Amino acid sequence: MSLFRKATFWFSLVSILVCVLNYMGNDDKNILLIGFNPFLNAVVYEQSFRSWIIGADDVIRPTAYLLHFASFFLTGAIVDILSYVFRRREK
């Protein structure tokens, strides 16, 4: 299967673009980085994990970018596995 046909590639690419946009300052309210990521959106409100994502001066920490990429990569991998299983079942 071609690399461009895998969901893992596209989810990872979108995640990298979102992280770069946020790092460059184009996402002031962190809506793309945290708001549209269900995992980070749920975790950011837990006090024990909040310090991993947002620093004392309300600056996004590098672990937030790592968690964002990991969650998008895993989501893409799950979509790829499910599509493989459904294609196998049809044959």
C-alpha atoms as a PDB file:
ATOM      1  CA  MET A   1       0.000   0.000   0.000  1.00  0.00           C
ATOM      2  CA  SER A   2       1.270   3.451  -0.860  1.00  0.00           C
ATOM      3  CA  LEU A   3       2.359   5.803   1.892  1.00  0.00           C
ATOM      4  CA  PHE A   4      -0.119   8.440   0.701  1.00  0.00           C
ATOM      5  CA  ARG A   5      -3.024   6.027   1.146  1.00  0.00           C
ATOM      6  CA  LYS A   6      -2.350   5.416   4.832  1.00  0.00           C
ATOM      7  CA  ALA A   7      -4.311   7.334   7.447  1.00  0.00           C
ATOM      8  CA  THR A   8      -1.314   7.270   9.773  1.00  0.00           C
ATOM      9  CA  PHE A   9       0.657   9.415   7.322  1.00  0.00           C
ATOM     10  CA  TRP A  10      -2.103  11.989   6.910  1.00  0.00           C
ATOM     11  CA  PHE A  11      -2.933  12.203  10.607  1.00  0.00           C
ATOM     12  CA  SER A  12       0.774  12.637  11.410  1.00  0.00           C
ATOM     13  CA  LEU A  13       1.159  15.302   8.738  1.00  0.00           C
ATOM     14  CA  VAL A  14      -1.834  17.253  10.047  1.00  0.00           C
ATOM     15  CA  SER A  15      -0.466  16.979  13.574  1.00  0.00           C
ATOM     16  CA  ILE A  16       2.917  18.349  12.520  1.00  0.00           C
ATOM     17  CA  LEU A  17       1.234  21.244  10.707  1.00  0.00           C
ATOM     18  CA  VAL A  18      -0.906  22.070  13.758  1.00  0.00           C
ATOM     19  CA  CYS A  19       2.149  21.959  16.035  1.00  0.00           C
ATOM     20  CA  VAL A  20       4.152  24.223  13.707  1.00  0.00           C
ATOM     21  CA  LEU A  21       1.276  26.699  13.438  1.00  0.00           C
ATOM     22  CA  ASN A  22       0.916  26.784  17.208  1.00  0.00           C
ATOM     23  CA  TYR A  23       4.659  27.157  17.761  1.00  0.00           C
ATOM     24  CA  MET A  24       4.813  30.047  15.284  1.00  0.00           C
ATOM     25  CA  GLY A  25       2.084  31.851  17.225  1.00  0.00           C
ATOM     26  CA  ASN A  26      -0.795  31.519  14.762  1.00  0.00           C
ATOM     27  CA  ASP A  27      -2.990  29.714  17.303  1.00  0.00           C
ATOM     28  CA  ASP A  28      -3.133  32.162  20.215  1.00  0.00           C
ATOM     29  CA  LYS A  29      -5.947  30.417  22.086  1.00  0.00           C
ATOM     30  CA  ASN A  30      -4.580  26.883  21.423  1.00  0.00           C
ATOM     31  CA  ILE A  31      -7.854  25.867  19.787  1.00  0.00           C
ATOM     32  CA  LEU A  32      -6.202  23.753  17.083  1.00  0.00           C
ATOM     33  CA  LEU A  33      -3.647  22.188  19.413  1.00  0.00           C
ATOM     34  CA  ILE A  34      -5.842  21.367  22.392  1.00  0.00           C
ATOM     35  CA  GLY A  35      -9.469  22.061  21.445  1.00  0.00           C
ATOM     36  CA  PHE A  36      -9.669  19.748  18.420  1.00  0.00           C
ATOM     37  CA  ASN A  37      -7.690  16.931  20.037  1.00  0.00           C
ATOM     38  CA  PRO A  38     -10.058  14.906  22.245  1.00  0.00           C
ATOM     39  CA  PHE A  39      -7.211  13.380  24.260  1.00  0.00           C
ATOM     40  CA  LEU A  40      -5.493  16.685  25.101  1.00  0.00           C
ATOM     41  CA  ASN A  41      -8.832  18.413  25.620  1.00  0.00           C
ATOM     42  CA  ALA A  42      -9.751  15.872  28.302  1.00  0.00           C
ATOM     43  CA  VAL A  43      -6.311  15.744  29.912  1.00  0.00           C
ATOM     44  CA  VAL A  44      -5.735  19.495  30.121  1.00  0.00           C
ATOM     45  CA  TYR A  45      -8.455  19.828  32.765  1.00  0.00           C
ATOM     46  CA  GLU A  46      -6.856  17.219  35.049  1.00  0.00           C
ATOM     47  CA  GLN A  47      -4.647  19.064  37.533  1.00  0.00           C
ATOM     48  CA  SER A  48      -1.930  16.412  37.584  1.00  0.00           C
ATOM     49  CA  PHE A  49      -1.484  16.503  33.780  1.00  0.00           C
ATOM     50  CA  ARG A  50      -2.073  20.233  33.253  1.00  0.00           C
ATOM     51  CA  SER A  51       1.484  21.062  34.303  1.00  0.00           C
ATOM     52  CA  TRP A  52       2.778  18.699  31.583  1.00  0.00           C
ATOM     53  CA  ILE A  53       0.919  20.647  28.894  1.00  0.00           C
ATOM     54  CA  ILE A  54       0.797  24.253  30.071  1.00  0.00           C
ATOM     55  CA  GLY A  55       3.601  25.961  31.984  1.00  0.00           C
ATOM     56  CA  ALA A  56       3.296  28.396  34.878  1.00  0.00           C
ATOM     57  CA  ASP A  57       3.205  31.405  32.549  1.00  0.00           C
ATOM     58  CA  ASP A  58       0.518  29.853  30.271  1.00  0.00           C
ATOM     59  CA  VAL A  59       3.029  28.804  27.636  1.00  0.00           C
ATOM     60  CA  ILE A  60       2.613  25.475  25.878  1.00  0.00           C
ATOM     61  CA  ARG A  61       5.311  22.989  26.886  1.00  0.00           C
ATOM     62  CA  PRO A  62       7.067  20.683  24.389  1.00  0.00           C
ATOM     63  CA  THR A  63       5.339  17.659  25.917  1.00  0.00           C
ATOM     64  CA  ALA A  64       2.030  19.016  24.585  1.00  0.00           C
ATOM     65  CA  TYR A  65       3.377  18.799  21.041  1.00  0.00           C
ATOM     66  CA  LEU A  66       4.667  15.286  21.689  1.00  0.00           C
ATOM     67  CA  LEU A  67       1.318  14.163  23.131  1.00  0.00           C
ATOM     68  CA  HIS A  68      -0.533  15.773  20.225  1.00  0.00           C
ATOM     69  CA  PHE A  69       1.603  13.974  17.659  1.00  0.00           C
ATOM     70  CA  ALA A  70       1.385  10.653  19.511  1.00  0.00           C
ATOM     71  CA  SER A  71      -2.396  10.819  19.812  1.00  0.00           C
ATOM     72  CA  PHE A  72      -2.839  11.657  16.111  1.00  0.00           C
ATOM     73  CA  PHE A  73      -0.361   8.946  15.099  1.00  0.00           C
ATOM     74  CA  LEU A  74      -2.189   6.334  17.190  1.00  0.00           C
ATOM     75  CA  THR A  75      -5.557   7.440  15.814  1.00  0.00           C
ATOM     76  CA  GLY A  76      -4.239   7.056  12.271  1.00  0.00           C
ATOM     77  CA  ALA A  77      -2.808   3.632  13.104  1.00  0.00           C
ATOM     78  CA  ILE A  78      -6.153   2.501  14.514  1.00  0.00           C
ATOM     79  CA  VAL A  79      -7.951   3.712  11.370  1.00  0.00           C
ATOM     80  CA  ASP A  80      -5.423   1.849   9.205  1.00  0.00           C
ATOM     81  CA  ILE A  81      -5.837  -1.354  11.207  1.00  0.00           C
ATOM     82  CA  LEU A  82      -9.626  -1.139  11.060  1.00  0.00           C
ATOM     83  CA  SER A  83      -9.607  -0.510   7.312  1.00  0.00           C
ATOM     84  CA  TYR A  84      -7.255  -3.475   6.843  1.00  0.00           C
ATOM     85  CA  VAL A  85      -9.533  -5.730   8.904  1.00  0.00           C
ATOM     86  CA  PHE A  86     -12.662  -4.653   7.009  1.00  0.00           C
ATOM     87  CA  ARG A  87     -10.965  -5.093   3.633  1.00  0.00           C
ATOM     88  CA  ARG A  88      -9.772  -8.560   4.656  1.00  0.00           C
ATOM     89  CA  ARG A  89     -13.271  -9.501   5.800  1.00  0.00           C
ATOM     90  CA  GLU A  90     -14.794  -8.538   2.425  1.00  0.00           C
ATOM     91  CA  LYS A  91     -12.499 -10.906   0.492  1.00  0.00           C
END
